Amino acid sequence: ISISESRYGLVFTPTLAGLEPGIHGFHVHMTANCNAVEVNGKL
């Protein structure tokens, strides 16, 4: 996903494959870490 600045805000341009068709939630998360963590005994 390329992120670029524009006068209207940031533009997120995906070049993705292998996802389920349809609409997906898309967010910026707090921490730069994509590792799994244990929550309530489950990863």
Full PDB file with SEQRES, HELIX, SHEET, SSBOND, CRYST1, ORIGX, SCALE, CONECT and MASTER records, all heavy atoms in Angstrom:
SEQRES   1 A   43  ILE SER ILE SER GLU SER ARG TYR GLY LEU VAL PHE THR          
SEQRES   2 A   43  PRO THR LEU ALA GLY LEU GLU PRO GLY ILE HIS GLY PHE          
SEQRES   3 A   43  HIS VAL HIS MET THR ALA ASN CYS ASN ALA VAL GLU VAL          
SEQRES   4 A   43  ASN GLY LYS LEU                                              
SHEET    1 AA1 2 SER A   2  SER A   6  0                                        
SHEET    2 AA1 2 GLY A   9  THR A  13 -1                                        
CRYST1    1.000    1.000    1.000  90.00  90.00  90.00 P 1           1          
ORIGX1      1.000000  0.000000  0.000000        0.00000                         
ORIGX2      0.000000  1.000000  0.000000        0.00000                         
ORIGX3      0.000000  0.000000  1.000000        0.00000                         
SCALE1      1.000000  0.000000  0.000000        0.00000                         
SCALE2      0.000000  1.000000  0.000000        0.00000                         
SCALE3      0.000000  0.000000  1.000000        0.00000                         
ATOM      1  N   ILE A   1       0.878  -1.172   0.000  1.00  0.00           N  
ATOM      2  CA  ILE A   1       0.000   0.000   0.000  1.00  0.00           C  
ATOM      3  C   ILE A   1       0.909   1.214   0.000  1.00  0.00           C  
ATOM      4  O   ILE A   1       1.764   1.357   0.885  1.00  0.00           O  
ATOM      5  CB  ILE A   1      -0.944   0.016   1.210  1.00  0.00           C  
ATOM      6  CG1 ILE A   1      -1.878  -1.189   1.157  1.00  0.00           C  
ATOM      7  CG2 ILE A   1      -1.738   1.336   1.247  1.00  0.00           C  
ATOM      8  CD1 ILE A   1      -2.825  -1.323   2.331  1.00  0.00           C  
ATOM      9  N   SER A   2       0.738   2.075  -1.004  1.00  0.00           N  
ATOM     10  CA  SER A   2       1.491   3.326  -1.062  1.00  0.00           C  
ATOM     11  C   SER A   2       0.665   4.408  -0.391  1.00  0.00           C  
ATOM     12  O   SER A   2      -0.548   4.497  -0.612  1.00  0.00           O  
ATOM     13  CB  SER A   2       1.775   3.722  -2.516  1.00  0.00           C  
ATOM     14  OG  SER A   2       2.618   2.774  -3.112  1.00  0.00           O  
ATOM     15  N   ILE A   3       1.336   5.210   0.411  1.00  0.00           N  
ATOM     16  CA  ILE A   3       0.671   6.326   1.088  1.00  0.00           C  
ATOM     17  C   ILE A   3       1.327   7.601   0.574  1.00  0.00           C  
ATOM     18  O   ILE A   3       2.553   7.729   0.617  1.00  0.00           O  
ATOM     19  CB  ILE A   3       0.820   6.249   2.620  1.00  0.00           C  
ATOM     20  CG1 ILE A   3       0.407   4.873   3.139  1.00  0.00           C  
ATOM     21  CG2 ILE A   3      -0.010   7.357   3.282  1.00  0.00           C  
ATOM     22  CD1 ILE A   3       0.759   4.655   4.614  1.00  0.00           C  
ATOM     23  N   SER A   4       0.519   8.517   0.077  1.00  0.00           N  
ATOM     24  CA  SER A   4       1.062   9.763  -0.461  1.00  0.00           C  
ATOM     25  C   SER A   4       0.283  10.956   0.068  1.00  0.00           C  
ATOM     26  O   SER A   4      -0.894  10.851   0.411  1.00  0.00           O  
ATOM     27  CB  SER A   4       1.052   9.736  -1.993  1.00  0.00           C  
ATOM     28  OG  SER A   4      -0.246   9.515  -2.473  1.00  0.00           O  
ATOM     29  N   GLU A   5       0.982  12.076   0.109  1.00  0.00           N  
ATOM     30  CA  GLU A   5       0.357  13.318   0.548  1.00  0.00           C  
ATOM     31  C   GLU A   5      -0.346  13.972  -0.630  1.00  0.00           C  
ATOM     32  O   GLU A   5       0.148  13.940  -1.755  1.00  0.00           O  
ATOM     33  CB  GLU A   5       1.415  14.259   1.111  1.00  0.00           C  
ATOM     34  CG  GLU A   5       2.041  13.759   2.389  1.00  0.00           C  
ATOM     35  CD  GLU A   5       3.115  14.678   2.956  1.00  0.00           C  
ATOM     36  OE1 GLU A   5       3.466  15.689   2.304  1.00  0.00           O  
ATOM     37  OE2 GLU A   5       3.610  14.377   4.055  1.00  0.00           O  
ATOM     38  N   SER A   6      -1.508  14.548  -0.357  1.00  0.00           N  
ATOM     39  CA  SER A   6      -2.214  15.359  -1.346  1.00  0.00           C  
ATOM     40  C   SER A   6      -2.773  16.568  -0.600  1.00  0.00           C  
ATOM     41  O   SER A   6      -2.809  16.579   0.634  1.00  0.00           O  
ATOM     42  CB  SER A   6      -3.348  14.571  -2.009  1.00  0.00           C  
ATOM     43  OG  SER A   6      -4.523  14.584  -1.213  1.00  0.00           O  
ATOM     44  N   ARG A   7      -3.216  17.535  -1.316  1.00  0.00           N  
ATOM     45  CA  ARG A   7      -3.768  18.730  -0.661  1.00  0.00           C  
ATOM     46  C   ARG A   7      -5.077  18.428   0.061  1.00  0.00           C  
ATOM     47  O   ARG A   7      -5.559  19.210   0.863  1.00  0.00           O  
ATOM     48  CB  ARG A   7      -3.919  19.869  -1.649  1.00  0.00           C  
ATOM     49  CG  ARG A   7      -4.914  19.607  -2.744  1.00  0.00           C  
ATOM     50  CD  ARG A   7      -4.912  20.670  -3.779  1.00  0.00           C  
ATOM     51  NE  ARG A   7      -5.799  21.738  -3.376  1.00  0.00           N  
ATOM     52  CZ  ARG A   7      -6.223  22.672  -4.178  1.00  0.00           C  
ATOM     53  NH1 ARG A   7      -5.837  22.708  -5.424  1.00  0.00           N  
ATOM     54  NH2 ARG A   7      -7.038  23.597  -3.739  1.00  0.00           N  
ATOM     55  N   TYR A   8      -5.675  17.256  -0.215  1.00  0.00           N  
ATOM     56  CA  TYR A   8      -6.952  16.877   0.396  1.00  0.00           C  
ATOM     57  C   TYR A   8      -6.796  15.902   1.557  1.00  0.00           C  
ATOM     58  O   TYR A   8      -7.782  15.534   2.182  1.00  0.00           O  
ATOM     59  CB  TYR A   8      -7.869  16.271  -0.661  1.00  0.00           C  
ATOM     60  CG  TYR A   8      -8.071  17.195  -1.829  1.00  0.00           C  
ATOM     61  CD1 TYR A   8      -7.430  16.950  -3.034  1.00  0.00           C  
ATOM     62  CD2 TYR A   8      -8.853  18.338  -1.714  1.00  0.00           C  
ATOM     63  CE1 TYR A   8      -7.587  17.818  -4.108  1.00  0.00           C  
ATOM     64  CE2 TYR A   8      -9.012  19.211  -2.779  1.00  0.00           C  
ATOM     65  CZ  TYR A   8      -8.373  18.941  -3.973  1.00  0.00           C  
ATOM     66  OH  TYR A   8      -8.528  19.802  -5.024  1.00  0.00           O  
ATOM     67  N   GLY A   9      -5.572  15.458   1.820  1.00  0.00           N  
ATOM     68  CA  GLY A   9      -5.307  14.481   2.868  1.00  0.00           C  
ATOM     69  C   GLY A   9      -4.413  13.387   2.327  1.00  0.00           C  
ATOM     70  O   GLY A   9      -3.964  13.433   1.179  1.00  0.00           O  
ATOM     71  N   LEU A  10      -4.149  12.381   3.144  1.00  0.00           N  
ATOM     72  CA  LEU A  10      -3.313  11.275   2.699  1.00  0.00           C  
ATOM     73  C   LEU A  10      -4.114  10.315   1.829  1.00  0.00           C  
ATOM     74  O   LEU A  10      -5.272  10.017   2.117  1.00  0.00           O  
ATOM     75  CB  LEU A  10      -2.730  10.523   3.896  1.00  0.00           C  
ATOM     76  CG  LEU A  10      -1.724  11.294   4.757  1.00  0.00           C  
ATOM     77  CD1 LEU A  10      -1.191  10.402   5.881  1.00  0.00           C  
ATOM     78  CD2 LEU A  10      -0.580  11.840   3.926  1.00  0.00           C  
ATOM     79  N   VAL A  11      -3.457   9.824   0.777  1.00  0.00           N  
ATOM     80  CA  VAL A  11      -4.064   8.881  -0.152  1.00  0.00           C  
ATOM     81  C   VAL A  11      -3.386   7.526   0.046  1.00  0.00           C  
ATOM     82  O   VAL A  11      -2.161   7.425  -0.003  1.00  0.00           O  
ATOM     83  CB  VAL A  11      -3.899   9.341  -1.614  1.00  0.00           C  
ATOM     84  CG1 VAL A  11      -4.513   8.324  -2.572  1.00  0.00           C  
ATOM     85  CG2 VAL A  11      -4.520  10.715  -1.813  1.00  0.00           C  
ATOM     86  N   PHE A  12      -4.189   6.491   0.291  1.00  0.00           N  
ATOM     87  CA  PHE A  12      -3.712   5.130   0.481  1.00  0.00           C  
ATOM     88  C   PHE A  12      -4.074   4.345  -0.787  1.00  0.00           C  
ATOM     89  O   PHE A  12      -5.256   4.148  -1.067  1.00  0.00           O  
ATOM     90  CB  PHE A  12      -4.383   4.488   1.696  1.00  0.00           C  
ATOM     91  CG  PHE A  12      -4.014   5.146   3.002  1.00  0.00           C  
ATOM     92  CD1 PHE A  12      -4.559   6.373   3.370  1.00  0.00           C  
ATOM     93  CD2 PHE A  12      -3.118   4.522   3.865  1.00  0.00           C  
ATOM     94  CE1 PHE A  12      -4.217   6.971   4.573  1.00  0.00           C  
ATOM     95  CE2 PHE A  12      -2.769   5.115   5.067  1.00  0.00           C  
ATOM     96  CZ  PHE A  12      -3.315   6.340   5.425  1.00  0.00           C  
ATOM     97  N   THR A  13      -3.046   3.917  -1.537  1.00  0.00           N  
ATOM     98  CA  THR A  13      -3.269   3.221  -2.800  1.00  0.00           C  
ATOM     99  C   THR A  13      -2.786   1.781  -2.678  1.00  0.00           C  
ATOM    100  O   THR A  13      -1.581   1.529  -2.638  1.00  0.00           O  
ATOM    101  CB  THR A  13      -2.542   3.935  -3.950  1.00  0.00           C  
ATOM    102  OG1 THR A  13      -2.961   5.303  -3.986  1.00  0.00           O  
ATOM    103  CG2 THR A  13      -2.862   3.277  -5.286  1.00  0.00           C  
ATOM    104  N   PRO A  14      -3.731   0.828  -2.606  1.00  0.00           N  
ATOM    105  CA  PRO A  14      -3.342  -0.577  -2.448  1.00  0.00           C  
ATOM    106  C   PRO A  14      -2.972  -1.239  -3.774  1.00  0.00           C  
ATOM    107  O   PRO A  14      -3.518  -0.901  -4.822  1.00  0.00           O  
ATOM    108  CB  PRO A  14      -4.607  -1.218  -1.871  1.00  0.00           C  
ATOM    109  CG  PRO A  14      -5.719  -0.398  -2.440  1.00  0.00           C  
ATOM    110  CD  PRO A  14      -5.179   1.014  -2.559  1.00  0.00           C  
ATOM    111  N   THR A  15      -2.055  -2.154  -3.688  1.00  0.00           N  
ATOM    112  CA  THR A  15      -1.741  -3.098  -4.759  1.00  0.00           C  
ATOM    113  C   THR A  15      -1.670  -4.453  -4.052  1.00  0.00           C  
ATOM    114  O   THR A  15      -0.594  -4.938  -3.711  1.00  0.00           O  
ATOM    115  CB  THR A  15      -0.398  -2.749  -5.443  1.00  0.00           C  
ATOM    116  OG1 THR A  15      -0.456  -1.402  -5.896  1.00  0.00           O  
ATOM    117  CG2 THR A  15      -0.132  -3.666  -6.634  1.00  0.00           C  
ATOM    118  N   LEU A  16      -2.846  -4.989  -3.764  1.00  0.00           N  
ATOM    119  CA  LEU A  16      -2.959  -6.200  -2.947  1.00  0.00           C  
ATOM    120  C   LEU A  16      -3.640  -7.319  -3.711  1.00  0.00           C  
ATOM    121  O   LEU A  16      -4.456  -7.066  -4.608  1.00  0.00           O  
ATOM    122  CB  LEU A  16      -3.770  -5.896  -1.676  1.00  0.00           C  
ATOM    123  CG  LEU A  16      -3.232  -4.822  -0.736  1.00  0.00           C  
ATOM    124  CD1 LEU A  16      -4.246  -4.520   0.366  1.00  0.00           C  
ATOM    125  CD2 LEU A  16      -1.911  -5.249  -0.143  1.00  0.00           C  
ATOM    126  N   ALA A  17      -3.333  -8.549  -3.332  1.00  0.00           N  
ATOM    127  CA  ALA A  17      -3.987  -9.734  -3.899  1.00  0.00           C  
ATOM    128  C   ALA A  17      -4.113 -10.776  -2.797  1.00  0.00           C  
ATOM    129  O   ALA A  17      -3.374 -10.749  -1.805  1.00  0.00           O  
ATOM    130  CB  ALA A  17      -3.166 -10.288  -5.063  1.00  0.00           C  
ATOM    131  N   GLY A  18      -5.069 -11.688  -2.959  1.00  0.00           N  
ATOM    132  CA  GLY A  18      -5.235 -12.765  -1.994  1.00  0.00           C  
ATOM    133  C   GLY A  18      -6.171 -12.445  -0.842  1.00  0.00           C  
ATOM    134  O   GLY A  18      -6.132 -13.109   0.185  1.00  0.00           O  
ATOM    135  N   LEU A  19      -7.017 -11.444  -1.006  1.00  0.00           N  
ATOM    136  CA  LEU A  19      -7.985 -11.079   0.018  1.00  0.00           C  
ATOM    137  C   LEU A  19      -9.365 -11.606  -0.377  1.00  0.00           C  
ATOM    138  O   LEU A  19      -9.621 -11.891  -1.545  1.00  0.00           O  
ATOM    139  CB  LEU A  19      -8.042  -9.562   0.194  1.00  0.00           C  
ATOM    140  CG  LEU A  19      -6.864  -8.918   0.925  1.00  0.00           C  
ATOM    141  CD1 LEU A  19      -5.677  -8.739   0.014  1.00  0.00           C  
ATOM    142  CD2 LEU A  19      -7.280  -7.574   1.480  1.00  0.00           C  
ATOM    143  N   GLU A  20     -10.255 -11.692   0.604  1.00  0.00           N  
ATOM    144  CA  GLU A  20     -11.642 -12.064   0.330  1.00  0.00           C  
ATOM    145  C   GLU A  20     -12.340 -10.887  -0.338  1.00  0.00           C  
ATOM    146  O   GLU A  20     -12.186  -9.744   0.104  1.00  0.00           O  
ATOM    147  CB  GLU A  20     -12.370 -12.414   1.631  1.00  0.00           C  
ATOM    148  CG  GLU A  20     -11.938 -13.726   2.236  1.00  0.00           C  
ATOM    149  CD  GLU A  20     -12.327 -14.923   1.383  1.00  0.00           C  
ATOM    150  OE1 GLU A  20     -13.447 -14.953   0.847  1.00  0.00           O  
ATOM    151  OE2 GLU A  20     -11.485 -15.834   1.249  1.00  0.00           O  
ATOM    152  N   PRO A  21     -13.109 -11.137  -1.400  1.00  0.00           N  
ATOM    153  CA  PRO A  21     -13.840 -10.046  -2.059  1.00  0.00           C  
ATOM    154  C   PRO A  21     -14.808  -9.354  -1.090  1.00  0.00           C  
ATOM    155  O   PRO A  21     -15.324  -9.971  -0.168  1.00  0.00           O  
ATOM    156  CB  PRO A  21     -14.622 -10.765  -3.164  1.00  0.00           C  
ATOM    157  CG  PRO A  21     -13.854 -12.017  -3.415  1.00  0.00           C  
ATOM    158  CD  PRO A  21     -13.293 -12.414  -2.071  1.00  0.00           C  
ATOM    159  N   GLY A  22     -15.009  -8.063  -1.308  1.00  0.00           N  
ATOM    160  CA  GLY A  22     -15.955  -7.284  -0.514  1.00  0.00           C  
ATOM    161  C   GLY A  22     -15.308  -6.082   0.139  1.00  0.00           C  
ATOM    162  O   GLY A  22     -14.227  -5.639  -0.243  1.00  0.00           O  
ATOM    163  N   ILE A  23     -15.985  -5.584   1.141  1.00  0.00           N  
ATOM    164  CA  ILE A  23     -15.550  -4.392   1.867  1.00  0.00           C  
ATOM    165  C   ILE A  23     -14.836  -4.832   3.141  1.00  0.00           C  
ATOM    166  O   ILE A  23     -15.306  -5.724   3.846  1.00  0.00           O  
ATOM    167  CB  ILE A  23     -16.765  -3.504   2.229  1.00  0.00           C  
ATOM    168  CG1 ILE A  23     -17.536  -3.098   0.961  1.00  0.00           C  
ATOM    169  CG2 ILE A  23     -16.340  -2.287   3.016  1.00  0.00           C  
ATOM    170  CD1 ILE A  23     -16.762  -2.230   0.001  1.00  0.00           C  
ATOM    171  N   HIS A  24     -13.717  -4.182   3.436  1.00  0.00           N  
ATOM    172  CA  HIS A  24     -12.919  -4.526   4.618  1.00  0.00           C  
ATOM    173  C   HIS A  24     -12.619  -3.288   5.448  1.00  0.00           C  
ATOM    174  O   HIS A  24     -12.349  -2.219   4.889  1.00  0.00           O  
ATOM    175  CB  HIS A  24     -11.583  -5.156   4.199  1.00  0.00           C  
ATOM    176  CG  HIS A  24     -11.740  -6.490   3.555  1.00  0.00           C  
ATOM    177  ND1 HIS A  24     -11.622  -7.663   4.259  1.00  0.00           N  
ATOM    178  CD2 HIS A  24     -12.028  -6.839   2.275  1.00  0.00           C  
ATOM    179  CE1 HIS A  24     -11.809  -8.679   3.442  1.00  0.00           C  
ATOM    180  NE2 HIS A  24     -12.071  -8.205   2.234  1.00  0.00           N  
ATOM    181  N   GLY A  25     -12.650  -3.462   6.780  1.00  0.00           N  
ATOM    182  CA  GLY A  25     -12.197  -2.407   7.668  1.00  0.00           C  
ATOM    183  C   GLY A  25     -10.728  -2.138   7.408  1.00  0.00           C  
ATOM    184  O   GLY A  25      -9.952  -3.058   7.136  1.00  0.00           O  
ATOM    185  N   PHE A  26     -10.332  -0.863   7.490  1.00  0.00           N  
ATOM    186  CA  PHE A  26      -8.982  -0.428   7.129  1.00  0.00           C  
ATOM    187  C   PHE A  26      -8.594   0.664   8.113  1.00  0.00           C  
ATOM    188  O   PHE A  26      -9.318   1.653   8.243  1.00  0.00           O  
ATOM    189  CB  PHE A  26      -9.041   0.073   5.682  1.00  0.00           C  
ATOM    190  CG  PHE A  26      -7.745   0.409   5.033  1.00  0.00           C  
ATOM    191  CD1 PHE A  26      -6.616  -0.371   5.206  1.00  0.00           C  
ATOM    192  CD2 PHE A  26      -7.670   1.510   4.192  1.00  0.00           C  
ATOM    193  CE1 PHE A  26      -5.435  -0.065   4.556  1.00  0.00           C  
ATOM    194  CE2 PHE A  26      -6.503   1.827   3.532  1.00  0.00           C  
ATOM    195  CZ  PHE A  26      -5.375   1.038   3.725  1.00  0.00           C  
ATOM    196  N   HIS A  27      -7.486   0.467   8.830  1.00  0.00           N  
ATOM    197  CA  HIS A  27      -7.141   1.404   9.909  1.00  0.00           C  
ATOM    198  C   HIS A  27      -5.641   1.564  10.080  1.00  0.00           C  
ATOM    199  O   HIS A  27      -4.878   0.660   9.758  1.00  0.00           O  
ATOM    200  CB  HIS A  27      -7.695   0.898  11.255  1.00  0.00           C  
ATOM    201  CG  HIS A  27      -9.137   0.563  11.215  1.00  0.00           C  
ATOM    202  ND1 HIS A  27      -9.588  -0.731  11.111  1.00  0.00           N  
ATOM    203  CD2 HIS A  27     -10.231   1.348  11.231  1.00  0.00           C  
ATOM    204  CE1 HIS A  27     -10.912  -0.729  11.077  1.00  0.00           C  
ATOM    205  NE2 HIS A  27     -11.328   0.524  11.150  1.00  0.00           N  
ATOM    206  N   VAL A  28      -5.269   2.694  10.669  1.00  0.00           N  
ATOM    207  CA  VAL A  28      -3.911   2.894  11.176  1.00  0.00           C  
ATOM    208  C   VAL A  28      -3.967   2.484  12.646  1.00  0.00           C  
ATOM    209  O   VAL A  28      -4.839   2.954  13.395  1.00  0.00           O  
ATOM    210  CB  VAL A  28      -3.458   4.363  11.047  1.00  0.00           C  
ATOM    211  CG1 VAL A  28      -2.101   4.566  11.707  1.00  0.00           C  
ATOM    212  CG2 VAL A  28      -3.419   4.786   9.580  1.00  0.00           C  
ATOM    213  N   HIS A  29      -3.065   1.595  13.056  1.00  0.00           N  
ATOM    214  CA  HIS A  29      -3.000   1.142  14.450  1.00  0.00           C  
ATOM    215  C   HIS A  29      -1.806   1.780  15.153  1.00  0.00           C  
ATOM    216  O   HIS A  29      -0.875   2.261  14.518  1.00  0.00           O  
ATOM    217  CB  HIS A  29      -2.922  -0.387  14.506  1.00  0.00           C  
ATOM    218  CG  HIS A  29      -4.258  -1.042  14.281  1.00  0.00           C  
ATOM    219  ND1 HIS A  29      -4.878  -1.800  15.250  1.00  0.00           N  
ATOM    220  CD2 HIS A  29      -5.088  -1.045  13.216  1.00  0.00           C  
ATOM    221  CE1 HIS A  29      -6.040  -2.244  14.779  1.00  0.00           C  
ATOM    222  NE2 HIS A  29      -6.189  -1.798  13.534  1.00  0.00           N  
ATOM    223  N   MET A  30      -1.849   1.771  16.473  1.00  0.00           N  
ATOM    224  CA  MET A  30      -0.904   2.500  17.322  1.00  0.00           C  
ATOM    225  C   MET A  30       0.564   2.128  17.160  1.00  0.00           C  
ATOM    226  O   MET A  30       1.426   2.994  17.141  1.00  0.00           O  
ATOM    227  CB  MET A  30      -1.269   2.294  18.799  1.00  0.00           C  
ATOM    228  CG  MET A  30      -2.435   3.116  19.272  1.00  0.00           C  
ATOM    229  SD  MET A  30      -2.131   4.878  19.177  1.00  0.00           S  
ATOM    230  CE  MET A  30      -0.665   5.048  20.185  1.00  0.00           C  
ATOM    231  N   THR A  31       0.893   0.851  17.106  1.00  0.00           N  
ATOM    232  CA  THR A  31       2.272   0.401  17.253  1.00  0.00           C  
ATOM    233  C   THR A  31       2.790  -0.267  15.989  1.00  0.00           C  
ATOM    234  O   THR A  31       2.086  -1.058  15.368  1.00  0.00           O  
ATOM    235  CB  THR A  31       2.366  -0.589  18.437  1.00  0.00           C  
ATOM    236  OG1 THR A  31       1.775   0.031  19.578  1.00  0.00           O  
ATOM    237  CG2 THR A  31       3.790  -0.948  18.755  1.00  0.00           C  
ATOM    238  N   ALA A  32       4.038   0.010  15.652  1.00  0.00           N  
ATOM    239  CA  ALA A  32       4.675  -0.545  14.451  1.00  0.00           C  
ATOM    240  C   ALA A  32       5.136  -1.971  14.705  1.00  0.00           C  
ATOM    241  O   ALA A  32       6.326  -2.279  14.732  1.00  0.00           O  
ATOM    242  CB  ALA A  32       5.844   0.328  14.037  1.00  0.00           C  
ATOM    243  N   ASN A  33       4.169  -2.866  14.926  1.00  0.00           N  
ATOM    244  CA  ASN A  33       4.506  -4.253  15.231  1.00  0.00           C  
ATOM    245  C   ASN A  33       3.334  -5.133  14.796  1.00  0.00           C  
ATOM    246  O   ASN A  33       2.219  -4.972  15.291  1.00  0.00           O  
ATOM    247  CB  ASN A  33       4.763  -4.403  16.734  1.00  0.00           C  
ATOM    248  CG  ASN A  33       5.324  -5.743  17.107  1.00  0.00           C  
ATOM    249  OD1 ASN A  33       5.110  -6.737  16.420  1.00  0.00           O  
ATOM    250  ND2 ASN A  33       6.023  -5.783  18.227  1.00  0.00           N  
ATOM    251  N   CYS A  34       3.609  -6.070  13.904  1.00  0.00           N  
ATOM    252  CA  CYS A  34       2.558  -6.953  13.378  1.00  0.00           C  
ATOM    253  C   CYS A  34       2.625  -8.352  13.976  1.00  0.00           C  
ATOM    254  O   CYS A  34       2.016  -9.289  13.442  1.00  0.00           O  
ATOM    255  CB  CYS A  34       2.649  -7.012  11.852  1.00  0.00           C  
ATOM    256  SG  CYS A  34       2.240  -5.442  11.051  1.00  0.00           S  
ATOM    257  N   ASN A  35       3.325  -8.518  15.086  1.00  0.00           N  
ATOM    258  CA  ASN A  35       3.419  -9.830  15.731  1.00  0.00           C  
ATOM    259  C   ASN A  35       2.113 -10.187  16.429  1.00  0.00           C  
ATOM    260  O   ASN A  35       1.346  -9.317  16.829  1.00  0.00           O  
ATOM    261  CB  ASN A  35       4.555  -9.855  16.752  1.00  0.00           C  
ATOM    262  CG  ASN A  35       5.906  -9.793  16.088  1.00  0.00           C  
ATOM    263  OD1 ASN A  35       6.082 -10.242  14.964  1.00  0.00           O  
ATOM    264  ND2 ASN A  35       6.874  -9.216  16.782  1.00  0.00           N  
ATOM    265  N   ALA A  36       1.904 -11.483  16.613  1.00  0.00           N  
ATOM    266  CA  ALA A  36       0.751 -11.962  17.375  1.00  0.00           C  
ATOM    267  C   ALA A  36       1.037 -11.774  18.864  1.00  0.00           C  
ATOM    268  O   ALA A  36       2.197 -11.753  19.283  1.00  0.00           O  
ATOM    269  CB  ALA A  36       0.507 -13.433  17.067  1.00  0.00           C  
ATOM    270  N   VAL A  37      -0.016 -11.592  19.646  1.00  0.00           N  
ATOM    271  CA  VAL A  37       0.107 -11.533  21.109  1.00  0.00           C  
ATOM    272  C   VAL A  37      -0.973 -12.409  21.724  1.00  0.00           C  
ATOM    273  O   VAL A  37      -2.020 -12.652  21.119  1.00  0.00           O  
ATOM    274  CB  VAL A  37       0.004 -10.097  21.680  1.00  0.00           C  
ATOM    275  CG1 VAL A  37       1.141  -9.227  21.210  1.00  0.00           C  
ATOM    276  CG2 VAL A  37      -1.314  -9.456  21.349  1.00  0.00           C  
ATOM    277  N   GLU A  38      -0.696 -12.849  22.928  1.00  0.00           N  
ATOM    278  CA  GLU A  38      -1.668 -13.671  23.633  1.00  0.00           C  
ATOM    279  C   GLU A  38      -2.650 -12.771  24.373  1.00  0.00           C  
ATOM    280  O   GLU A  38      -2.265 -11.885  25.123  1.00  0.00           O  
ATOM    281  CB  GLU A  38      -0.957 -14.596  24.624  1.00  0.00           C  
ATOM    282  CG  GLU A  38      -1.898 -15.616  25.233  1.00  0.00           C  
ATOM    283  CD  GLU A  38      -1.173 -16.604  26.126  1.00  0.00           C  
ATOM    284  OE1 GLU A  38      -0.031 -16.981  25.793  1.00  0.00           O  
ATOM    285  OE2 GLU A  38      -1.761 -16.983  27.145  1.00  0.00           O  
ATOM    286  N   VAL A  39      -3.927 -13.009  24.130  1.00  0.00           N  
ATOM    287  CA  VAL A  39      -5.002 -12.282  24.800  1.00  0.00           C  
ATOM    288  C   VAL A  39      -5.968 -13.326  25.332  1.00  0.00           C  
ATOM    289  O   VAL A  39      -6.522 -14.110  24.560  1.00  0.00           O  
ATOM    290  CB  VAL A  39      -5.724 -11.312  23.834  1.00  0.00           C  
ATOM    291  CG1 VAL A  39      -6.883 -10.618  24.544  1.00  0.00           C  
ATOM    292  CG2 VAL A  39      -4.762 -10.297  23.255  1.00  0.00           C  
ATOM    293  N   ASN A  40      -6.164 -13.344  26.651  1.00  0.00           N  
ATOM    294  CA  ASN A  40      -7.063 -14.309  27.289  1.00  0.00           C  
ATOM    295  C   ASN A  40      -6.738 -15.752  26.889  1.00  0.00           C  
ATOM    296  O   ASN A  40      -7.646 -16.542  26.582  1.00  0.00           O  
ATOM    297  CB  ASN A  40      -8.528 -13.985  26.992  1.00  0.00           C  
ATOM    298  CG  ASN A  40      -8.936 -12.626  27.521  1.00  0.00           C  
ATOM    299  OD1 ASN A  40      -8.472 -12.193  28.572  1.00  0.00           O  
ATOM    300  ND2 ASN A  40      -9.789 -11.942  26.788  1.00  0.00           N  
ATOM    301  N   GLY A  41      -5.450 -16.072  26.834  1.00  0.00           N  
ATOM    302  CA  GLY A  41      -5.021 -17.428  26.540  1.00  0.00           C  
ATOM    303  C   GLY A  41      -5.063 -17.828  25.079  1.00  0.00           C  
ATOM    304  O   GLY A  41      -4.817 -18.975  24.740  1.00  0.00           O  
ATOM    305  N   LYS A  42      -5.377 -16.883  24.190  1.00  0.00           N  
ATOM    306  CA  LYS A  42      -5.458 -17.178  22.761  1.00  0.00           C  
ATOM    307  C   LYS A  42      -4.580 -16.192  21.992  1.00  0.00           C  
ATOM    308  O   LYS A  42      -4.564 -15.000  22.296  1.00  0.00           O  
ATOM    309  CB  LYS A  42      -6.908 -17.067  22.295  1.00  0.00           C  
ATOM    310  CG  LYS A  42      -7.102 -17.428  20.851  1.00  0.00           C  
ATOM    311  CD  LYS A  42      -8.554 -17.316  20.435  1.00  0.00           C  
ATOM    312  CE  LYS A  42      -8.661 -17.626  18.962  1.00  0.00           C  
ATOM    313  NZ  LYS A  42      -9.903 -17.192  18.383  1.00  0.00           N  
ATOM    314  N   LEU A  43      -3.852 -16.689  20.986  1.00  0.00           N  
ATOM    315  CA  LEU A  43      -3.023 -15.812  20.166  1.00  0.00           C  
ATOM    316  C   LEU A  43      -3.885 -14.978  19.222  1.00  0.00           C  
ATOM    317  O   LEU A  43      -4.755 -15.513  18.533  1.00  0.00           O  
ATOM    318  CB  LEU A  43      -2.005 -16.618  19.369  1.00  0.00           C  
ATOM    319  CG  LEU A  43      -0.826 -17.145  20.174  1.00  0.00           C  
ATOM    320  CD1 LEU A  43       0.049 -18.067  19.319  1.00  0.00           C  
ATOM    321  CD2 LEU A  43       0.013 -15.994  20.714  1.00  0.00           C  
TER     322      LEU A  43                                                      
MASTER        0    0    0    0    2    0    0    6  321    1    0    4          
END                                                                             
